[in-house]
Amino acid sequence: MPDPIEAAAAPPRIRTSGDREVGTYLEIAGSREPGQIFTPAPNAPEAVVILDYGSQFSMLIARRIREAGVYSELVPWDTPADQLNHLRIAGFVLSGGPASVYEADAPTLPSYVIASGLPVLGICYGMQLLAHTLGGRVAPSTHREYGHAVITRAYGENPLFHDLPSTMPVWMSHGDHVVDLPPGFRSLAQSESSPVAAMADDAGHLAIQFHPEVVHTPQGDQLIRNFLFEVAHCAGDWTAANFIEESVKSIRERVGDGKVICALSGGVDSAVAATLVHRAIGDQLTCIYVDNGMMRWGESEQVVSNFREQMAMQLLHVDAVDKFFAELVEVTNPETKRKRIGEMFIRVFEAEAAALGRVDFICQGTTYPDVIESASTGSSAAAKIKTHHNVGGLPADMQFTLIEPLRFLFKDEVRRVGKELGLSDEMVYRQPFPGPGLAIRVIGEVTREKVEVVRAADRIVTEEIRGAALYYDLWQAFAVLTDTKTVGVQGDFRTYGYCIALRCVTAEDAMTADWARLPDDLLGRISTRIVNEVPEVNRVVYDITSKPPGTIEWE
């Protein structure tokens, strides 16, 4: 079958600079109806699709769109059209990225984007790609723009700038710029170093050189909303209640009369996932809480109480402490830890499931940041940061089919869904905890003794943070047992004890984070308590690294 765009397009018109091809202008036949090349599934949600070209801000675009009440998905730029049929697409956004469009191996624009006839917003590299593809010319900038800039609107109106001022502060991050506009396009704005800071045609193709998704562009949210509602005419019906309704229906249809087990950790993600599945299929769900010996102080007892007594779910409490510690003997590599813990979880689940009879599915609380950081989307533009227990640590021969109802939600969205489902604030707003537990907060080999040390220190951190009424202001606050020992003096004796690192951060969704500026007296109390109450420790340090360049967890 011929490519849809080839069948619909007139012969491409090529613009050249010397003998070098710089772009192709694709003229789409006027008979094509918008969205005709897609065949959305029945009741598919309205969505804006973001093609990811590798920008560090790509996830922020998805957040901003969802905050406006429109569902969005971030997909690799080379995603085939038939993999988008689960969505009713209202428009496309092309993200920024590190490549230059004129390079031979640069990421390209899928033909279906223009062929669909749907609105398109190009951002930074996305703007340059749109210009290059449609017959314009992109070249290196004489004066690069990184950081604050001011754009001035050109004469004329465009819905993208509806209710926005003629002069706006924005955030730039580019080394290339559009030299020649594609046929049919006009400039909408310029900056001191970019003659074309925004452009558009009459077919719904718009592009901007700056980044509206970052906080450094103060009116960026309004510009994104203008694209969604003034250009793409989205309904804006993406809410927690709608998500629950659609998810319950989807889970029921997928599971049928099958049996599901839920990998319950007690954290907000697995709690919300379990509650959502339970609403859909009731007692067809059995939650399995595996105590791996690496949970926080009092965690196991709290999980059992919450789910058995308060939520009336079927819960199996499995003591697998010996098995997990045996798997980690002499293991020091963080990725190996994660993979072994992930595989052991599944093996324990398989054994428990066998005792239950037929079990078809396993539910996990995987969230969007987990997926992106593990680069499990397959995007050639995305770099793998670390394997998440939920996504990258599962064995290839796993016997269950995965159900991940929160896979495309950010943490704040998970919490809104949890509240809509009726979960308590204590459960919904608790700080995140990694799937492998305290194993990745022990640097080096994991032993029972080391876990007890970091657990005791972590309890003190949590108690003091709560006592200072800062628990809900922080994304995470915890202790790390480093693999460093230091000389100290305690009670007139020389000691040689462990060094504990404190990690306290603020964040919106864990894709980026900043170290928390805690009061000096609070840090002092935490340090004093740890060295006094945890005999193996004689030194406490505070991690003041943001993400990036660091990650939140040390491993």
Protein backbone atom coordinates (compact mmCIF):
# COMPACT_ATOMS: atom_id res chain seq x y z
CA MET A 1 0.00 0.00 0.00
CA PRO A 2 1.42 3.41 -0.89
CA ASP A 3 2.24 5.88 1.85
CA PRO A 4 -0.93 7.99 2.48
CA ILE A 5 0.98 11.20 2.06
CA GLU A 6 2.42 10.10 -1.27
CA ALA A 7 -1.02 9.26 -2.60
CA ALA A 8 -2.42 12.60 -1.54
CA ALA A 9 0.45 14.92 -2.36
CA ALA A 10 1.35 16.78 -5.52
CA PRO A 11 4.96 16.36 -6.68
CA PRO A 12 7.14 17.88 -3.96
CA ARG A 13 8.65 21.28 -4.61
CA ILE A 14 12.32 21.31 -3.60
CA ARG A 15 14.16 24.41 -2.48
CA THR A 16 17.92 24.35 -2.86
CA SER A 17 20.94 26.31 -1.74
CA GLY A 18 23.55 25.52 -4.33
CA ASP A 19 23.28 21.79 -4.86
CA ARG A 20 22.11 21.05 -1.30
CA GLU A 21 18.51 20.09 -0.64
CA VAL A 22 17.23 22.10 2.30
CA GLY A 23 13.59 21.09 2.51
CA THR A 24 10.50 19.65 0.89
CA TYR A 25 7.16 21.38 0.60
CA LEU A 26 4.38 18.82 0.70
CA GLU A 27 1.12 19.99 -0.86
CA ILE A 28 -1.70 17.96 0.62
CA ALA A 29 -4.77 17.40 -1.55
CA GLY A 30 -7.70 19.48 -0.36
CA SER A 31 -10.07 16.50 -0.36
CA ARG A 32 -8.40 14.92 2.68
CA GLU A 33 -10.45 15.24 5.85
CA PRO A 34 -8.50 16.01 9.05
CA GLY A 35 -7.67 12.84 10.98
CA GLN A 36 -8.76 10.57 8.12
CA ILE A 37 -5.49 8.62 8.14
CA PHE A 38 -6.17 7.56 11.75
CA THR A 39 -8.83 5.06 12.81
CA PRO A 40 -9.41 5.83 16.50
CA ALA A 41 -10.76 3.07 18.71
CA PRO A 42 -14.37 3.52 19.88
CA ASN A 43 -14.59 6.03 22.73
CA ALA A 44 -10.91 6.94 22.31
CA PRO A 45 -10.05 9.98 24.46
CA GLU A 46 -9.38 13.32 22.84
CA ALA A 47 -5.64 13.92 22.95
CA VAL A 48 -2.78 16.04 21.74
CA VAL A 49 0.20 13.94 20.68
CA ILE A 50 3.68 15.26 21.43
CA LEU A 51 6.42 13.89 19.20
CA ASP A 52 9.58 13.71 21.30
CA TYR A 53 12.77 14.88 19.59
CA GLY A 54 14.91 14.59 22.71
CA SER A 55 14.38 17.89 24.51
CA GLN A 56 14.99 17.98 28.25
CA PHE A 57 11.67 19.85 28.43
CA SER A 58 9.51 17.35 26.52
CA MET A 59 7.82 16.02 29.65
CA LEU A 60 6.97 19.56 30.69
CA ILE A 61 5.00 20.05 27.48
CA ALA A 62 2.84 17.06 28.39
CA ARG A 63 2.34 18.42 31.91
CA ARG A 64 1.29 21.86 30.71
CA ILE A 65 -1.22 20.43 28.25
CA ARG A 66 -2.77 18.18 30.88
CA GLU A 67 -2.89 21.04 33.39
CA ALA A 68 -5.10 22.80 30.84
CA GLY A 69 -7.55 19.87 30.98
CA VAL A 70 -6.48 18.18 27.75
CA TYR A 71 -5.05 14.66 27.66
CA SER A 72 -1.63 14.34 26.01
CA GLU A 73 0.86 11.60 25.30
CA LEU A 74 4.56 11.94 24.66
CA VAL A 75 5.73 9.45 22.04
CA PRO A 76 8.99 8.90 20.13
CA TRP A 77 9.18 11.00 16.98
CA ASP A 78 9.28 7.89 14.78
CA THR A 79 6.13 6.29 16.24
CA PRO A 80 4.06 4.70 13.42
CA ALA A 81 0.60 6.11 12.80
CA ASP A 82 -1.17 2.84 13.65
CA GLN A 83 0.24 3.01 17.18
CA LEU A 84 -1.80 6.15 17.82
CA ASN A 85 -5.22 4.70 17.07
CA HIS A 86 -6.03 4.43 20.78
CA LEU A 87 -6.37 8.23 20.73
CA ARG A 88 -8.73 10.70 19.09
CA ILE A 89 -6.05 13.17 18.07
CA ALA A 90 -6.88 16.87 18.13
CA GLY A 91 -3.41 18.10 17.21
CA PHE A 92 0.31 17.52 17.30
CA VAL A 93 3.18 19.22 19.14
CA LEU A 94 6.75 18.80 17.92
CA SER A 95 9.19 19.10 20.82
CA GLY A 96 12.61 20.65 20.91
CA GLY A 97 15.75 18.57 20.61
CA PRO A 98 19.55 18.68 20.32
CA ALA A 99 19.85 17.87 16.59
CA SER A 100 20.15 20.19 13.60
CA VAL A 101 17.58 19.58 10.86
CA TYR A 102 20.13 19.94 8.05
CA GLU A 103 22.29 17.07 9.35
CA ALA A 104 22.06 13.82 7.40
CA ASP A 105 20.93 11.71 10.38
CA ALA A 106 18.62 14.29 11.98
CA PRO A 107 15.20 13.10 13.21
CA THR A 108 12.50 13.78 10.64
CA LEU A 109 8.81 14.64 10.56
CA PRO A 110 6.52 11.61 10.07
CA SER A 111 4.48 12.05 6.91
CA TYR A 112 1.19 11.49 8.75
CA VAL A 113 1.56 14.71 10.77
CA ILE A 114 1.04 16.98 7.76
CA ALA A 115 -1.17 14.49 5.93
CA SER A 116 -3.64 14.39 8.83
CA GLY A 117 -4.65 18.00 8.29
CA LEU A 118 -4.63 18.47 12.08
CA PRO A 119 -3.16 21.53 13.83
CA VAL A 120 0.57 21.35 14.53
CA LEU A 121 2.67 23.37 16.97
CA GLY A 122 6.45 23.18 16.51
CA ILE A 123 8.65 24.20 19.46
CA CYS A 124 12.36 25.07 18.96
CA TYR A 125 13.69 22.08 16.97
CA GLY A 126 10.06 21.37 16.13
CA MET A 127 9.81 24.81 14.50
CA GLN A 128 12.98 24.28 12.51
CA LEU A 129 11.81 20.82 11.45
CA LEU A 130 8.47 22.16 10.29
CA ALA A 131 10.20 24.92 8.30
CA HIS A 132 12.73 22.52 6.78
CA THR A 133 10.09 19.93 5.83
CA LEU A 134 7.71 22.42 4.26
CA GLY A 135 10.27 24.16 2.08
CA GLY A 136 11.92 26.77 4.27
CA ARG A 137 15.60 27.05 5.12
CA VAL A 138 17.29 26.57 8.49
CA ALA A 139 20.90 27.53 9.21
CA PRO A 140 23.24 28.00 12.16
CA SER A 141 22.68 31.26 14.03
CA THR A 142 25.38 33.91 14.08
CA HIS A 143 24.22 34.85 17.57
CA ARG A 144 22.90 31.89 19.54
CA GLU A 145 20.15 32.42 22.08
CA TYR A 146 20.32 30.57 25.40
CA GLY A 147 18.21 31.95 28.21
CA HIS A 148 16.09 35.06 28.62
CA ALA A 149 14.92 36.89 25.50
CA VAL A 150 12.12 39.25 24.53
CA ILE A 151 9.90 38.73 21.49
CA THR A 152 7.93 41.40 19.70
CA ARG A 153 4.80 40.49 17.80
CA ALA A 154 4.64 41.25 14.09
CA TYR A 155 1.70 43.11 12.61
CA GLY A 156 -1.49 41.07 12.39
CA GLU A 157 -3.43 38.70 14.62
CA ASN A 158 -3.11 34.98 15.13
CA PRO A 159 -5.09 32.80 17.57
CA LEU A 160 -1.83 31.47 19.03
CA PHE A 161 -1.26 34.89 20.61
CA HIS A 162 -4.87 35.50 21.64
CA ASP A 163 -5.02 37.86 24.66
CA LEU A 164 -1.22 38.03 24.86
CA PRO A 165 0.75 41.29 24.81
CA SER A 166 2.71 42.54 21.80
CA THR A 167 5.98 42.17 23.73
CA MET A 168 6.71 39.09 25.86
CA PRO A 169 9.65 37.72 27.87
CA VAL A 170 10.47 34.16 26.78
CA TRP A 171 13.09 31.46 27.26
CA MET A 172 15.26 30.54 24.28
CA SER A 173 17.63 27.59 23.84
CA HIS A 174 18.80 27.22 20.25
CA GLY A 175 21.82 27.46 17.97
CA ASP A 176 19.93 27.29 14.63
CA HIS A 177 17.23 29.54 13.24
CA VAL A 178 14.82 29.82 10.33
CA VAL A 179 16.42 31.85 7.53
CA ASP A 180 13.71 31.50 4.86
CA LEU A 181 10.05 30.93 5.67
CA PRO A 182 8.30 28.01 3.97
CA PRO A 183 5.82 28.95 1.21
CA GLY A 184 2.53 30.16 2.67
CA PHE A 185 4.02 31.03 6.08
CA ARG A 186 4.33 34.45 7.70
CA SER A 187 6.37 35.63 10.65
CA LEU A 188 4.37 36.21 13.84
CA ALA A 189 7.15 37.53 16.10
CA GLN A 190 10.84 38.29 16.29
CA SER A 191 13.54 38.69 18.91
CA GLU A 192 16.83 40.55 18.86
CA SER A 193 18.67 37.50 17.46
CA SER A 194 15.81 35.64 15.75
CA PRO A 195 14.09 37.41 12.82
CA VAL A 196 11.54 34.57 12.90
CA ALA A 197 10.70 33.77 16.54
CA ALA A 198 7.22 32.49 15.59
CA MET A 199 5.55 31.61 12.29
CA ALA A 200 2.27 30.23 10.96
CA ASP A 201 0.34 29.45 7.80
CA ASP A 202 -3.40 29.30 7.18
CA ALA A 203 -3.55 25.49 7.42
CA GLY A 204 -3.09 25.30 11.20
CA HIS A 205 0.69 24.87 11.20
CA LEU A 206 2.27 27.09 13.85
CA ALA A 207 5.76 27.21 15.29
CA ILE A 208 7.73 29.09 17.92
CA GLN A 209 11.47 29.27 18.53
CA PHE A 210 11.14 29.66 22.30
CA HIS A 211 9.96 27.26 25.05
CA PRO A 212 6.48 28.06 26.42
CA GLU A 213 6.50 25.00 28.69
CA VAL A 214 9.16 26.31 31.11
CA VAL A 215 8.46 28.70 33.97
CA HIS A 216 10.98 31.16 32.49
CA THR A 217 8.37 31.98 29.83
CA PRO A 218 5.81 33.60 32.18
CA GLN A 219 2.94 33.61 29.69
CA GLY A 220 3.79 30.24 28.19
CA ASP A 221 0.80 28.53 29.80
CA GLN A 222 -1.57 30.95 28.07
CA LEU A 223 0.12 30.38 24.72
CA ILE A 224 -0.25 26.60 25.10
CA ARG A 225 -3.89 27.07 26.07
CA ASN A 226 -4.38 29.19 22.97
CA PHE A 227 -3.07 26.37 20.79
CA LEU A 228 -5.34 23.89 22.52
CA PHE A 229 -8.57 25.89 22.54
CA GLU A 230 -8.22 28.64 19.92
CA VAL A 231 -6.44 26.56 17.27
CA ALA A 232 -7.13 22.86 17.94
CA HIS A 233 -10.58 23.54 19.54
CA CYS A 234 -10.09 20.91 22.24
CA ALA A 235 -12.94 20.15 24.63
CA GLY A 236 -10.76 20.28 27.75
CA ASP A 237 -12.51 17.38 29.47
CA TRP A 238 -9.44 15.60 30.89
CA THR A 239 -10.33 15.16 34.60
CA ALA A 240 -9.64 12.62 37.32
CA ALA A 241 -13.30 11.55 37.27
CA ASN A 242 -13.23 10.94 33.49
CA PHE A 243 -9.96 9.06 33.80
CA ILE A 244 -11.45 6.76 36.44
CA GLU A 245 -14.58 6.13 34.39
CA GLU A 246 -12.60 5.28 31.25
CA SER A 247 -10.04 3.18 33.14
CA VAL A 248 -12.68 1.12 34.96
CA LYS A 249 -14.39 0.35 31.68
CA SER A 250 -11.11 -0.53 29.97
CA ILE A 251 -9.96 -2.77 32.84
CA ARG A 252 -13.28 -4.65 32.91
CA GLU A 253 -13.16 -5.25 29.16
CA ARG A 254 -9.55 -6.39 29.26
CA VAL A 255 -9.76 -8.64 32.31
CA GLY A 256 -13.17 -10.18 31.64
CA ASP A 257 -13.56 -13.02 34.12
CA GLY A 258 -9.80 -13.27 34.67
CA LYS A 259 -7.97 -13.06 37.97
CA VAL A 260 -5.58 -10.25 38.84
CA ILE A 261 -2.90 -9.95 41.47
CA CYS A 262 -1.56 -6.55 42.44
CA ALA A 263 2.04 -5.90 43.35
CA LEU A 264 1.32 -3.80 46.42
CA SER A 265 4.11 -1.77 47.98
CA GLY A 266 2.04 0.54 50.17
CA GLY A 267 3.14 3.64 48.29
CA VAL A 268 0.68 5.99 46.63
CA ASP A 269 1.17 4.58 43.12
CA SER A 270 0.42 0.96 43.96
CA ALA A 271 -2.36 2.00 46.36
CA VAL A 272 -4.15 4.02 43.68
CA ALA A 273 -3.59 1.34 41.05
CA ALA A 274 -5.00 -1.34 43.34
CA THR A 275 -8.02 0.78 44.29
CA LEU A 276 -8.76 1.53 40.64
CA VAL A 277 -8.58 -2.13 39.64
CA HIS A 278 -10.62 -3.14 42.67
CA ARG A 279 -13.35 -0.69 41.65
CA ALA A 280 -13.39 -2.30 38.21
CA ILE A 281 -13.36 -6.01 39.09
CA GLY A 282 -13.87 -6.33 42.86
CA ASP A 283 -12.87 -9.68 44.35
CA GLN A 284 -11.25 -10.81 41.10
CA LEU A 285 -8.32 -8.83 42.48
CA THR A 286 -5.97 -10.18 45.14
CA CYS A 287 -3.31 -7.83 46.47
CA ILE A 288 0.02 -9.33 47.41
CA TYR A 289 2.28 -7.41 49.74
CA VAL A 290 5.78 -8.87 49.72
CA ASP A 291 7.89 -7.96 52.72
CA ASN A 292 11.41 -7.93 51.33
CA GLY A 293 12.96 -6.73 54.58
CA MET A 294 13.84 -3.37 53.02
CA MET A 295 10.80 -1.28 53.87
CA ARG A 296 10.65 1.83 56.04
CA TRP A 297 10.05 1.74 59.79
CA GLY A 298 6.60 0.28 60.56
CA GLU A 299 5.68 0.09 56.85
CA SER A 300 4.58 -3.53 56.68
CA GLU A 301 2.15 -3.22 59.57
CA GLN A 302 0.68 -0.05 58.12
CA VAL A 303 0.13 -1.58 54.67
CA VAL A 304 -1.67 -4.61 56.06
CA SER A 305 -3.89 -2.42 58.23
CA ASN A 306 -4.76 0.01 55.42
CA PHE A 307 -5.76 -2.53 52.82
CA ARG A 308 -7.25 -5.33 54.89
CA GLU A 309 -9.10 -3.37 57.51
CA GLN A 310 -9.79 0.06 56.01
CA MET A 311 -10.27 -0.82 52.34
CA ALA A 312 -11.59 -4.39 52.70
CA MET A 313 -9.40 -5.80 49.94
CA GLN A 314 -8.14 -9.36 49.71
CA LEU A 315 -4.51 -9.10 50.81
CA LEU A 316 -1.80 -11.72 51.14
CA HIS A 317 1.14 -10.74 53.35
CA VAL A 318 4.21 -12.68 52.24
CA ASP A 319 7.41 -12.81 54.28
CA ALA A 320 10.20 -13.15 51.72
CA VAL A 321 12.96 -11.40 53.64
CA ASP A 322 15.44 -14.30 53.52
CA LYS A 323 15.00 -14.78 49.76
CA PHE A 324 15.71 -11.14 48.93
CA PHE A 325 18.80 -10.83 51.09
CA ALA A 326 20.15 -14.06 49.61
CA GLU A 327 19.80 -12.56 46.11
CA LEU A 328 21.85 -9.51 47.08
CA VAL A 329 24.91 -11.18 48.58
CA GLU A 330 28.06 -9.49 47.18
CA VAL A 331 25.98 -7.39 44.77
CA THR A 332 27.19 -3.79 44.59
CA ASN A 333 26.07 -2.60 41.14
CA PRO A 334 22.86 -0.53 41.41
CA GLU A 335 21.35 -1.84 38.18
CA THR A 336 22.03 -5.43 39.26
CA LYS A 337 20.29 -4.73 42.57
CA ARG A 338 17.22 -3.39 40.81
CA LYS A 339 17.01 -6.26 38.36
CA ARG A 340 17.47 -8.95 41.00
CA ILE A 341 14.90 -7.38 43.27
CA GLY A 342 12.46 -6.98 40.36
CA GLU A 343 12.90 -10.59 39.31
CA MET A 344 12.54 -11.90 42.87
CA PHE A 345 9.30 -9.95 43.27
CA ILE A 346 7.89 -11.64 40.19
CA ARG A 347 9.07 -15.09 41.29
CA VAL A 348 7.37 -14.63 44.64
CA PHE A 349 4.19 -13.43 42.92
CA GLU A 350 4.25 -16.45 40.62
CA ALA A 351 4.54 -18.80 43.58
CA GLU A 352 1.68 -17.10 45.42
CA ALA A 353 -0.42 -17.01 42.27
CA ALA A 354 0.06 -20.74 41.78
CA ALA A 355 -1.44 -21.29 45.20
CA LEU A 356 -4.42 -19.12 44.21
CA GLY A 357 -5.20 -21.15 41.11
CA ARG A 358 -5.49 -19.48 37.74
CA VAL A 359 -4.12 -15.93 37.65
CA ASP A 360 -3.94 -14.07 34.37
CA PHE A 361 -2.77 -10.53 35.14
CA ILE A 362 -0.47 -8.60 37.41
CA CYS A 363 -1.21 -4.96 38.25
CA GLN A 364 1.58 -2.48 39.00
CA GLY A 365 1.66 1.20 39.88
CA THR A 366 4.00 2.24 37.07
CA THR A 367 3.80 5.98 36.35
CA TYR A 368 4.90 8.16 33.44
CA PRO A 369 8.20 9.35 34.99
CA ASP A 370 9.11 5.68 35.63
CA VAL A 371 8.57 4.92 31.96
CA ILE A 372 10.48 7.92 30.66
CA GLU A 373 13.47 7.48 32.99
CA SER A 374 13.75 3.83 31.99
CA ALA A 375 13.46 4.92 28.32
CA SER A 376 11.04 2.05 27.80
CA THR A 377 9.17 3.90 25.06
CA GLY A 378 11.96 2.98 22.67
CA SER A 379 12.56 6.56 21.56
CA SER A 380 15.89 6.93 19.87
CA ALA A 381 15.94 10.47 21.24
CA ALA A 382 15.53 9.43 24.88
CA ALA A 383 18.41 8.44 27.12
CA LYS A 384 18.04 5.72 29.74
CA ILE A 385 18.71 7.16 33.20
CA LYS A 386 18.11 4.07 35.33
CA THR A 387 16.01 0.95 35.33
CA HIS A 388 12.87 1.32 37.39
CA HIS A 389 11.75 -1.76 39.28
CA ASN A 390 8.29 -1.40 37.75
CA VAL A 391 9.37 -1.18 34.11
CA GLY A 392 12.91 -2.30 33.45
CA GLY A 393 13.47 -4.85 36.19
CA LEU A 394 10.88 -7.42 35.13
CA PRO A 395 12.06 -10.80 33.80
CA ALA A 396 11.49 -11.56 30.12
CA ASP A 397 9.78 -14.89 30.90
CA MET A 398 7.21 -13.44 33.30
CA GLN A 399 4.04 -15.55 33.32
CA PHE A 400 1.52 -12.72 33.76
CA THR A 401 0.07 -10.04 31.51
CA LEU A 402 0.81 -6.58 32.89
CA ILE A 403 -1.92 -4.10 33.80
CA GLU A 404 -0.52 -0.63 34.45
CA PRO A 405 -3.52 1.71 34.80
CA LEU A 406 -1.36 4.68 35.85
CA ARG A 407 1.31 4.25 33.20
CA PHE A 408 0.61 7.60 31.55
CA LEU A 409 -0.02 9.67 34.69
CA PHE A 410 2.27 12.09 36.49
CA LYS A 411 2.48 11.86 40.27
CA ASP A 412 0.20 14.82 40.90
CA GLU A 413 -2.38 13.25 38.56
CA VAL A 414 -2.09 9.94 40.45
CA ARG A 415 -2.83 11.83 43.66
CA ARG A 416 -5.87 13.55 42.16
CA VAL A 417 -7.17 10.17 41.03
CA GLY A 418 -6.53 8.77 44.51
CA LYS A 419 -8.53 11.55 46.12
CA GLU A 420 -11.35 11.04 43.62
CA LEU A 421 -11.34 7.34 44.55
CA GLY A 422 -11.76 8.27 48.22
CA LEU A 423 -8.30 7.45 49.57
CA SER A 424 -7.12 9.28 52.70
CA ASP A 425 -4.71 12.22 52.59
CA GLU A 426 -2.21 10.17 54.59
CA MET A 427 -2.14 7.55 51.87
CA VAL A 428 -2.38 9.84 48.85
CA TYR A 429 0.18 12.44 49.88
CA ARG A 430 2.84 10.25 51.41
CA GLN A 431 6.28 10.75 49.97
CA PRO A 432 7.38 8.43 47.14
CA PHE A 433 9.40 5.35 47.99
CA PRO A 434 11.42 3.35 45.44
CA GLY A 435 10.26 -0.12 44.44
CA PRO A 436 13.53 -1.79 45.54
CA GLY A 437 13.13 -0.13 48.93
CA LEU A 438 16.07 0.63 51.19
CA ALA A 439 18.31 -1.62 49.10
CA ILE A 440 19.14 1.33 46.85
CA ARG A 441 19.70 3.59 49.84
CA VAL A 442 22.55 1.35 50.96
CA ILE A 443 25.57 2.11 48.82
CA GLY A 444 27.51 -1.06 48.08
CA GLU A 445 26.56 -4.54 49.25
CA VAL A 446 23.21 -4.82 51.01
CA THR A 447 23.20 -6.65 54.34
CA ARG A 448 20.62 -6.94 57.11
CA GLU A 449 22.82 -4.90 59.42
CA LYS A 450 23.22 -2.04 56.93
CA VAL A 451 19.49 -1.94 56.22
CA GLU A 452 18.77 -1.64 59.93
CA VAL A 453 21.20 1.29 60.13
CA VAL A 454 19.61 3.22 57.26
CA ARG A 455 16.09 2.35 58.45
CA ALA A 456 16.81 3.82 61.89
CA ALA A 457 18.33 6.97 60.38
CA ASP A 458 15.44 7.32 57.93
CA ARG A 459 12.90 7.09 60.77
CA ILE A 460 14.61 10.02 62.51
CA VAL A 461 14.58 12.09 59.31
CA THR A 462 10.85 11.46 58.83
CA GLU A 463 10.00 12.23 62.45
CA GLU A 464 11.87 15.52 62.43
CA ILE A 465 10.51 16.61 59.04
CA ARG A 466 6.97 15.90 60.24
CA GLY A 467 7.66 17.66 63.53
CA ALA A 468 8.73 20.76 61.60
CA ALA A 469 5.49 20.61 59.54
CA LEU A 470 7.50 20.27 56.32
CA TYR A 471 6.58 16.72 55.30
CA TYR A 472 4.01 17.73 52.67
CA ASP A 473 6.19 20.58 51.38
CA LEU A 474 8.95 18.19 50.33
CA TRP A 475 8.86 15.72 47.49
CA GLN A 476 11.14 13.34 49.38
CA ALA A 477 13.24 13.41 52.53
CA PHE A 478 15.34 10.39 53.45
CA ALA A 479 18.68 9.01 54.62
CA VAL A 480 21.31 7.21 52.54
CA LEU A 481 23.91 4.89 54.08
CA THR A 482 27.09 5.68 52.16
CA ASP A 483 29.91 3.19 51.72
CA THR A 484 32.28 5.62 53.46
CA LYS A 485 33.50 5.26 57.03
CA THR A 486 35.04 8.17 58.88
CA VAL A 487 37.00 8.78 62.06
CA GLY A 488 35.07 10.39 64.91
CA VAL A 489 35.22 11.09 68.62
CA GLN A 490 32.28 10.00 70.74
CA GLY A 491 32.40 9.86 74.54
CA ASP A 492 36.16 10.53 74.57
CA PHE A 493 36.71 7.46 72.40
CA ARG A 494 37.91 7.28 68.82
CA THR A 495 35.24 5.81 66.51
CA TYR A 496 35.27 4.65 62.94
CA GLY A 497 31.67 4.76 61.82
CA TYR A 498 29.43 5.14 58.80
CA CYS A 499 28.59 8.42 57.12
CA ILE A 500 24.89 9.07 56.53
CA ALA A 501 23.82 11.41 53.73
CA LEU A 502 20.54 13.33 54.01
CA ARG A 503 18.59 13.85 50.78
CA CYS A 504 15.68 16.30 50.88
CA VAL A 505 14.25 17.67 47.64
CA THR A 506 11.37 19.70 46.23
CA ALA A 507 9.81 18.76 42.90
CA GLU A 508 6.62 18.69 40.84
CA ASP A 509 6.94 15.26 39.25
CA ALA A 510 10.49 13.99 39.96
CA MET A 511 11.66 14.60 36.39
CA THR A 512 13.48 17.61 37.83
CA ALA A 513 14.12 18.44 41.48
CA ASP A 514 15.91 20.96 43.66
CA TRP A 515 17.56 20.38 47.01
CA ALA A 516 15.50 21.71 49.89
CA ARG A 517 16.78 24.71 51.86
CA LEU A 518 15.97 23.33 55.30
CA PRO A 519 16.42 25.46 58.42
CA ASP A 520 19.82 25.09 60.03
CA ASP A 521 18.36 24.14 63.41
CA LEU A 522 16.31 21.35 61.79
CA LEU A 523 19.38 19.93 60.07
CA GLY A 524 21.22 20.18 63.36
CA ARG A 525 18.53 18.22 65.23
CA ILE A 526 18.47 15.50 62.59
CA SER A 527 22.25 15.15 62.65
CA THR A 528 22.45 15.12 66.44
CA ARG A 529 19.74 12.49 66.78
CA ILE A 530 21.25 10.21 64.15
CA VAL A 531 24.77 10.17 65.62
CA ASN A 532 23.34 9.77 69.14
CA GLU A 533 20.68 7.16 68.41
CA VAL A 534 22.29 5.09 65.64
CA PRO A 535 25.52 3.68 67.14
CA GLU A 536 27.07 2.70 63.81
CA VAL A 537 27.03 6.30 62.49
CA ASN A 538 29.38 9.12 63.49
CA ARG A 539 28.94 11.62 60.64
CA VAL A 540 26.01 13.19 58.75
CA VAL A 541 26.27 15.20 55.50
CA TYR A 542 23.62 17.03 53.45
CA ASP A 543 23.28 16.50 49.69
CA ILE A 544 22.83 19.87 47.94
CA THR A 545 22.72 18.52 44.37
CA SER A 546 19.75 19.30 42.14
CA LYS A 547 18.29 17.01 39.47
CA PRO A 548 19.80 17.30 36.95
CA PRO A 549 22.75 16.78 37.19
CA GLY A 550 22.10 14.29 39.99
CA THR A 551 19.15 11.96 40.41
CA ILE A 552 16.98 12.00 43.53
CA GLU A 553 18.06 8.56 44.69
CA TRP A 554 21.76 7.85 44.97
CA GLU A 555 21.42 4.54 43.15
